[in-house]
Amino acid sequence: MECDASYVSRSARSRLRSRLVSKLSQAIAEGDGISFIVEVSDAASAKSAESQGADGLAAVESVNAVRMTSQLPLLHLGRMFDASGAAAEAVVIRPDLAMWDEAHALGLECVVRVAESEDLERALRDFDPEVFLLSVGEDEDDDPLAVVLELLHDVPAGKLAIADMRDATPDDVSELERSGMDAVLVAHGGFSALAQSDLPDV
């Protein structure tokens, strides 16, 4: 019987996930399906996302209100100092060793944003993170789904990969899961639509 490469990759990741101890990583790694991290902007959207089944939350502002509303794992998308003050579990950083050291000194898990294969290679070489946020560059005109899936091919087994696709459709999510993506970061409005629809079978 032929063995699908994405299945092998996901199986390899699963064997190594027991090493991950952070609340965010555990939430992403739990279960067989793709996890949803929902970007929210206030207490109301945080409460709504949690009630609709979000696995984690992400926020740039009103982070304290979000934290007071929900105990879901919180990924901070803004300044690192604010992330620590709001009791976030993780913060998004560039593939930068100084930022990595600063985040760890504050007790934060690092989710490293990469938009090019060179960013991924540098992060793996310099500090070997556990979680990557696969993103589309600011000047990138290609299909976001194609971009993040291409980056996923370079993520080693045993690492967690989050697709930064705020406007993902059910078909996008289906393809991400089929390809071995661990989680997807979506906008609150987009998640509301996903939560109300039946995702295609994978």
C-alpha atoms as a PDB file:
ATOM      1  CA  MET A   1       0.000   0.000   0.000  1.00  0.00           C
ATOM      2  CA  GLU A   2       1.333   3.446  -0.922  1.00  0.00           C
ATOM      3  CA  CYS A   3       2.008   5.754   2.010  1.00  0.00           C
ATOM      4  CA  ASP A   4       0.969   9.403   1.667  1.00  0.00           C
ATOM      5  CA  ALA A   5       3.862  11.782   2.459  1.00  0.00           C
ATOM      6  CA  SER A   6       1.693  14.197   4.427  1.00  0.00           C
ATOM      7  CA  TYR A   7       0.468  11.308   6.598  1.00  0.00           C
ATOM      8  CA  VAL A   8       4.046  10.293   7.324  1.00  0.00           C
ATOM      9  CA  SER A   9       4.904  13.887   8.244  1.00  0.00           C
ATOM     10  CA  ARG A  10       1.916  14.195  10.581  1.00  0.00           C
ATOM     11  CA  SER A  11       2.693  10.833  12.189  1.00  0.00           C
ATOM     12  CA  ALA A  12       6.275  11.905  12.835  1.00  0.00           C
ATOM     13  CA  ARG A  13       5.046  15.112  14.408  1.00  0.00           C
ATOM     14  CA  SER A  14       2.624  13.252  16.613  1.00  0.00           C
ATOM     15  CA  ARG A  15       5.375  11.067  18.045  1.00  0.00           C
ATOM     16  CA  LEU A  16       7.289  14.152  19.118  1.00  0.00           C
ATOM     17  CA  ARG A  17       4.421  16.254  20.421  1.00  0.00           C
ATOM     18  CA  SER A  18       4.680  14.853  23.946  1.00  0.00           C
ATOM     19  CA  ARG A  19       7.795  16.994  24.333  1.00  0.00           C
ATOM     20  CA  LEU A  20       5.748  20.194  24.057  1.00  0.00           C
ATOM     21  CA  VAL A  21       4.658  21.588  27.395  1.00  0.00           C
ATOM     22  CA  SER A  22       3.231  25.047  26.689  1.00  0.00           C
ATOM     23  CA  LYS A  23      -0.496  25.602  26.842  1.00  0.00           C
ATOM     24  CA  LEU A  24      -0.636  26.887  23.260  1.00  0.00           C
ATOM     25  CA  SER A  25       1.362  23.997  21.820  1.00  0.00           C
ATOM     26  CA  GLN A  26      -0.705  21.469  23.734  1.00  0.00           C
ATOM     27  CA  ALA A  27      -3.937  22.988  22.438  1.00  0.00           C
ATOM     28  CA  ILE A  28      -2.671  22.838  18.863  1.00  0.00           C
ATOM     29  CA  ALA A  29      -1.351  19.304  19.216  1.00  0.00           C
ATOM     30  CA  GLU A  30      -4.469  17.803  20.809  1.00  0.00           C
ATOM     31  CA  GLY A  31      -6.857  15.821  18.663  1.00  0.00           C
ATOM     32  CA  ASP A  32      -6.644  14.598  15.108  1.00  0.00           C
ATOM     33  CA  GLY A  33      -8.084  17.587  13.264  1.00  0.00           C
ATOM     34  CA  ILE A  34      -6.664  21.000  12.466  1.00  0.00           C
ATOM     35  CA  SER A  35      -6.819  23.534  15.316  1.00  0.00           C
ATOM     36  CA  PHE A  36      -8.296  27.021  15.077  1.00  0.00           C
ATOM     37  CA  ILE A  37      -6.641  30.079  16.593  1.00  0.00           C
ATOM     38  CA  VAL A  38      -9.027  33.019  16.294  1.00  0.00           C
ATOM     39  CA  GLU A  39      -7.920  36.641  16.211  1.00  0.00           C
ATOM     40  CA  VAL A  40     -10.169  38.694  18.476  1.00  0.00           C
ATOM     41  CA  SER A  41     -10.283  42.358  19.417  1.00  0.00           C
ATOM     42  CA  ASP A  42     -12.293  42.544  22.622  1.00  0.00           C
ATOM     43  CA  ALA A  43     -14.009  40.563  25.358  1.00  0.00           C
ATOM     44  CA  ALA A  44     -17.157  39.982  23.313  1.00  0.00           C
ATOM     45  CA  SER A  45     -15.350  38.484  20.330  1.00  0.00           C
ATOM     46  CA  ALA A  46     -13.212  36.353  22.656  1.00  0.00           C
ATOM     47  CA  LYS A  47     -16.300  34.961  24.376  1.00  0.00           C
ATOM     48  CA  SER A  48     -17.949  34.312  21.018  1.00  0.00           C
ATOM     49  CA  ALA A  49     -14.908  32.525  19.576  1.00  0.00           C
ATOM     50  CA  GLU A  50     -14.607  30.291  22.624  1.00  0.00           C
ATOM     51  CA  SER A  51     -18.291  29.361  22.504  1.00  0.00           C
ATOM     52  CA  GLN A  52     -17.921  28.440  18.818  1.00  0.00           C
ATOM     53  CA  GLY A  53     -15.075  26.025  19.529  1.00  0.00           C
ATOM     54  CA  ALA A  54     -11.838  27.955  19.090  1.00  0.00           C
ATOM     55  CA  ASP A  55      -8.734  26.133  20.316  1.00  0.00           C
ATOM     56  CA  GLY A  56      -6.844  29.356  21.055  1.00  0.00           C
ATOM     57  CA  LEU A  57      -7.113  33.114  20.741  1.00  0.00           C
ATOM     58  CA  ALA A  58      -4.837  35.753  19.235  1.00  0.00           C
ATOM     59  CA  ALA A  59      -4.944  39.492  19.865  1.00  0.00           C
ATOM     60  CA  VAL A  60      -3.075  42.707  19.159  1.00  0.00           C
ATOM     61  CA  GLU A  61      -4.983  45.008  21.499  1.00  0.00           C
ATOM     62  CA  SER A  62      -7.479  44.780  24.379  1.00  0.00           C
ATOM     63  CA  VAL A  63      -5.406  41.794  25.452  1.00  0.00           C
ATOM     64  CA  ASN A  64      -6.191  42.164  29.146  1.00  0.00           C
ATOM     65  CA  ALA A  65      -9.926  42.131  28.406  1.00  0.00           C
ATOM     66  CA  VAL A  66      -9.469  39.038  26.257  1.00  0.00           C
ATOM     67  CA  ARG A  67      -7.531  37.279  29.003  1.00  0.00           C
ATOM     68  CA  MET A  68     -10.123  38.155  31.649  1.00  0.00           C
ATOM     69  CA  THR A  69     -12.877  36.784  29.419  1.00  0.00           C
ATOM     70  CA  SER A  70     -11.278  33.493  28.387  1.00  0.00           C
ATOM     71  CA  GLN A  71      -8.656  31.075  29.646  1.00  0.00           C
ATOM     72  CA  LEU A  72      -7.987  29.663  26.182  1.00  0.00           C
ATOM     73  CA  PRO A  73      -4.309  29.805  25.160  1.00  0.00           C
ATOM     74  CA  LEU A  74      -3.531  33.373  24.140  1.00  0.00           C
ATOM     75  CA  LEU A  75      -1.141  34.279  21.332  1.00  0.00           C
ATOM     76  CA  HIS A  76      -0.041  37.909  21.385  1.00  0.00           C
ATOM     77  CA  LEU A  77       0.415  39.552  17.991  1.00  0.00           C
ATOM     78  CA  GLY A  78       1.739  42.856  19.337  1.00  0.00           C
ATOM     79  CA  ARG A  79       4.623  44.082  21.485  1.00  0.00           C
ATOM     80  CA  MET A  80       6.424  41.509  23.575  1.00  0.00           C
ATOM     81  CA  PHE A  81       6.245  43.512  26.828  1.00  0.00           C
ATOM     82  CA  ASP A  82       2.462  43.802  26.469  1.00  0.00           C
ATOM     83  CA  ALA A  83       2.248  40.047  25.940  1.00  0.00           C
ATOM     84  CA  SER A  84       3.967  39.369  29.239  1.00  0.00           C
ATOM     85  CA  GLY A  85       1.860  41.924  31.102  1.00  0.00           C
ATOM     86  CA  ALA A  86      -1.343  40.377  29.792  1.00  0.00           C
ATOM     87  CA  ALA A  87      -0.363  36.853  30.825  1.00  0.00           C
ATOM     88  CA  ALA A  88      -0.317  35.597  27.246  1.00  0.00           C
ATOM     89  CA  GLU A  89       1.186  32.159  26.754  1.00  0.00           C
ATOM     90  CA  ALA A  90       2.963  32.961  23.507  1.00  0.00           C
ATOM     91  CA  VAL A  91       4.079  35.800  21.288  1.00  0.00           C
ATOM     92  CA  VAL A  92       4.757  36.053  17.568  1.00  0.00           C
ATOM     93  CA  ILE A  93       8.328  37.059  16.758  1.00  0.00           C
ATOM     94  CA  ARG A  94      10.480  37.477  13.700  1.00  0.00           C
ATOM     95  CA  PRO A  95      13.245  34.908  13.093  1.00  0.00           C
ATOM     96  CA  ASP A  96      15.531  36.954  15.327  1.00  0.00           C
ATOM     97  CA  LEU A  97      17.748  35.512  18.068  1.00  0.00           C
ATOM     98  CA  ALA A  98      17.544  38.618  20.276  1.00  0.00           C
ATOM     99  CA  MET A  99      13.733  38.513  20.225  1.00  0.00           C
ATOM    100  CA  TRP A 100      13.859  34.787  20.974  1.00  0.00           C
ATOM    101  CA  ASP A 101      16.021  35.358  24.054  1.00  0.00           C
ATOM    102  CA  GLU A 102      13.873  38.255  25.263  1.00  0.00           C
ATOM    103  CA  ALA A 103      10.646  36.281  24.935  1.00  0.00           C
ATOM    104  CA  HIS A 104      12.045  33.324  26.833  1.00  0.00           C
ATOM    105  CA  ALA A 105      13.320  35.629  29.575  1.00  0.00           C
ATOM    106  CA  LEU A 106       9.700  36.815  29.959  1.00  0.00           C
ATOM    107  CA  GLY A 107       8.413  33.240  30.113  1.00  0.00           C
ATOM    108  CA  LEU A 108       6.711  33.373  26.707  1.00  0.00           C
ATOM    109  CA  GLU A 109       6.614  30.679  24.069  1.00  0.00           C
ATOM    110  CA  CYS A 110       7.845  31.928  20.698  1.00  0.00           C
ATOM    111  CA  VAL A 111       5.812  31.452  17.542  1.00  0.00           C
ATOM    112  CA  VAL A 112       8.192  32.410  14.753  1.00  0.00           C
ATOM    113  CA  ARG A 113       6.629  34.154  11.765  1.00  0.00           C
ATOM    114  CA  VAL A 114       8.201  33.119   8.464  1.00  0.00           C
ATOM    115  CA  ALA A 115       7.251  34.251   4.973  1.00  0.00           C
ATOM    116  CA  GLU A 116      10.208  32.867   3.030  1.00  0.00           C
ATOM    117  CA  SER A 117      12.170  29.642   3.117  1.00  0.00           C
ATOM    118  CA  GLU A 118      15.282  31.652   4.066  1.00  0.00           C
ATOM    119  CA  ASP A 119      13.509  32.859   7.235  1.00  0.00           C
ATOM    120  CA  LEU A 120      12.691  29.287   8.145  1.00  0.00           C
ATOM    121  CA  GLU A 121      16.245  28.097   7.543  1.00  0.00           C
ATOM    122  CA  ARG A 122      17.673  30.920   9.663  1.00  0.00           C
ATOM    123  CA  ALA A 123      15.330  30.235  12.575  1.00  0.00           C
ATOM    124  CA  LEU A 124      16.102  26.512  12.534  1.00  0.00           C
ATOM    125  CA  ARG A 125      19.818  27.183  12.394  1.00  0.00           C
ATOM    126  CA  ASP A 126      19.949  29.872  15.078  1.00  0.00           C
ATOM    127  CA  PHE A 127      17.471  28.716  17.742  1.00  0.00           C
ATOM    128  CA  ASP A 128      15.389  25.759  16.511  1.00  0.00           C
ATOM    129  CA  PRO A 129      11.843  26.841  17.547  1.00  0.00           C
ATOM    130  CA  GLU A 130       8.959  24.416  18.056  1.00  0.00           C
ATOM    131  CA  VAL A 131       6.176  26.492  16.435  1.00  0.00           C
ATOM    132  CA  PHE A 132       6.076  28.428  13.165  1.00  0.00           C
ATOM    133  CA  LEU A 133       3.500  30.886  11.825  1.00  0.00           C
ATOM    134  CA  LEU A 134       3.574  30.481   8.045  1.00  0.00           C
ATOM    135  CA  SER A 135       2.639  33.810   6.485  1.00  0.00           C
ATOM    136  CA  VAL A 136       2.408  35.613   3.181  1.00  0.00           C
ATOM    137  CA  GLY A 137       4.897  38.453   2.651  1.00  0.00           C
ATOM    138  CA  GLU A 138       3.605  42.000   2.383  1.00  0.00           C
ATOM    139  CA  ASP A 139       4.545  42.247  -1.295  1.00  0.00           C
ATOM    140  CA  GLU A 140       3.447  38.705  -2.147  1.00  0.00           C
ATOM    141  CA  ASP A 141       0.836  38.473  -4.909  1.00  0.00           C
ATOM    142  CA  ASP A 142       0.566  34.691  -5.059  1.00  0.00           C
ATOM    143  CA  ASP A 143      -2.317  32.674  -3.665  1.00  0.00           C
ATOM    144  CA  PRO A 144      -1.938  32.628   0.163  1.00  0.00           C
ATOM    145  CA  LEU A 145      -2.880  28.955   0.327  1.00  0.00           C
ATOM    146  CA  ALA A 146      -0.169  28.022  -2.165  1.00  0.00           C
ATOM    147  CA  VAL A 147       2.402  30.124  -0.297  1.00  0.00           C
ATOM    148  CA  VAL A 148       1.809  28.584   3.139  1.00  0.00           C
ATOM    149  CA  LEU A 149       1.660  25.065   1.735  1.00  0.00           C
ATOM    150  CA  GLU A 150       4.999  25.583   0.002  1.00  0.00           C
ATOM    151  CA  LEU A 151       6.508  26.796   3.285  1.00  0.00           C
ATOM    152  CA  LEU A 152       5.017  23.790   5.082  1.00  0.00           C
ATOM    153  CA  HIS A 153       7.127  21.442   2.953  1.00  0.00           C
ATOM    154  CA  ASP A 154      10.257  22.893   4.598  1.00  0.00           C
ATOM    155  CA  VAL A 155       9.001  22.579   8.192  1.00  0.00           C
ATOM    156  CA  PRO A 156      10.756  19.581   9.767  1.00  0.00           C
ATOM    157  CA  ALA A 157       8.810  16.735  11.313  1.00  0.00           C
ATOM    158  CA  GLY A 158       8.276  17.281  15.016  1.00  0.00           C
ATOM    159  CA  LYS A 159       7.573  21.010  14.628  1.00  0.00           C
ATOM    160  CA  LEU A 160       4.148  22.645  14.753  1.00  0.00           C
ATOM    161  CA  ALA A 161       2.968  24.788  11.841  1.00  0.00           C
ATOM    162  CA  ILE A 162       0.220  27.426  11.926  1.00  0.00           C
ATOM    163  CA  ALA A 163      -1.117  28.895   8.678  1.00  0.00           C
ATOM    164  CA  ASP A 164      -1.735  32.647   8.853  1.00  0.00           C
ATOM    165  CA  MET A 165      -4.883  32.777   6.711  1.00  0.00           C
ATOM    166  CA  ARG A 166      -7.350  35.192   8.287  1.00  0.00           C
ATOM    167  CA  ASP A 167      -9.871  34.789   5.440  1.00  0.00           C
ATOM    168  CA  ALA A 168      -9.605  31.011   5.034  1.00  0.00           C
ATOM    169  CA  THR A 169     -12.574  29.256   3.427  1.00  0.00           C
ATOM    170  CA  PRO A 170     -13.819  25.767   4.324  1.00  0.00           C
ATOM    171  CA  ASP A 171     -12.053  24.446   1.214  1.00  0.00           C
ATOM    172  CA  ASP A 172      -8.821  26.151   2.307  1.00  0.00           C
ATOM    173  CA  VAL A 173      -9.061  24.578   5.760  1.00  0.00           C
ATOM    174  CA  SER A 174      -9.714  21.180   4.228  1.00  0.00           C
ATOM    175  CA  GLU A 175      -6.610  21.465   2.045  1.00  0.00           C
ATOM    176  CA  LEU A 176      -4.489  22.731   4.945  1.00  0.00           C
ATOM    177  CA  GLU A 177      -5.502  19.779   7.096  1.00  0.00           C
ATOM    178  CA  ARG A 178      -4.992  17.280   4.286  1.00  0.00           C
ATOM    179  CA  SER A 179      -1.478  18.663   3.770  1.00  0.00           C
ATOM    180  CA  GLY A 180      -0.523  18.249   7.437  1.00  0.00           C
ATOM    181  CA  MET A 181      -0.950  21.798   8.778  1.00  0.00           C
ATOM    182  CA  ASP A 182      -1.437  21.746  12.546  1.00  0.00           C
ATOM    183  CA  ALA A 183      -3.453  24.942  12.984  1.00  0.00           C
ATOM    184  CA  VAL A 184      -4.826  27.967  11.170  1.00  0.00           C
ATOM    185  CA  LEU A 185      -5.028  31.558  12.398  1.00  0.00           C
ATOM    186  CA  VAL A 186      -8.299  33.089  11.245  1.00  0.00           C
ATOM    187  CA  ALA A 187     -10.184  36.335  11.788  1.00  0.00           C
ATOM    188  CA  HIS A 188     -13.127  36.258  14.166  1.00  0.00           C
ATOM    189  CA  GLY A 189     -15.610  36.969  11.391  1.00  0.00           C
ATOM    190  CA  GLY A 190     -14.108  34.237   9.263  1.00  0.00           C
ATOM    191  CA  PHE A 191     -14.267  31.749  12.103  1.00  0.00           C
ATOM    192  CA  SER A 192     -17.931  32.495  12.662  1.00  0.00           C
ATOM    193  CA  ALA A 193     -18.559  31.472   9.052  1.00  0.00           C
ATOM    194  CA  LEU A 194     -16.394  28.348   9.383  1.00  0.00           C
ATOM    195  CA  ALA A 195     -18.097  27.325  12.610  1.00  0.00           C
ATOM    196  CA  GLN A 196     -21.504  27.540  10.954  1.00  0.00           C
ATOM    197  CA  SER A 197     -20.552  25.455   7.917  1.00  0.00           C
ATOM    198  CA  ASP A 198     -19.684  21.815   7.447  1.00  0.00           C
ATOM    199  CA  LEU A 199     -16.030  21.525   6.563  1.00  0.00           C
ATOM    200  CA  PRO A 200     -15.319  19.240   3.616  1.00  0.00           C
ATOM    201  CA  ASP A 201     -14.196  15.744   4.482  1.00  0.00           C
ATOM    202  CA  VAL A 202     -10.452  15.229   4.549  1.00  0.00           C
END
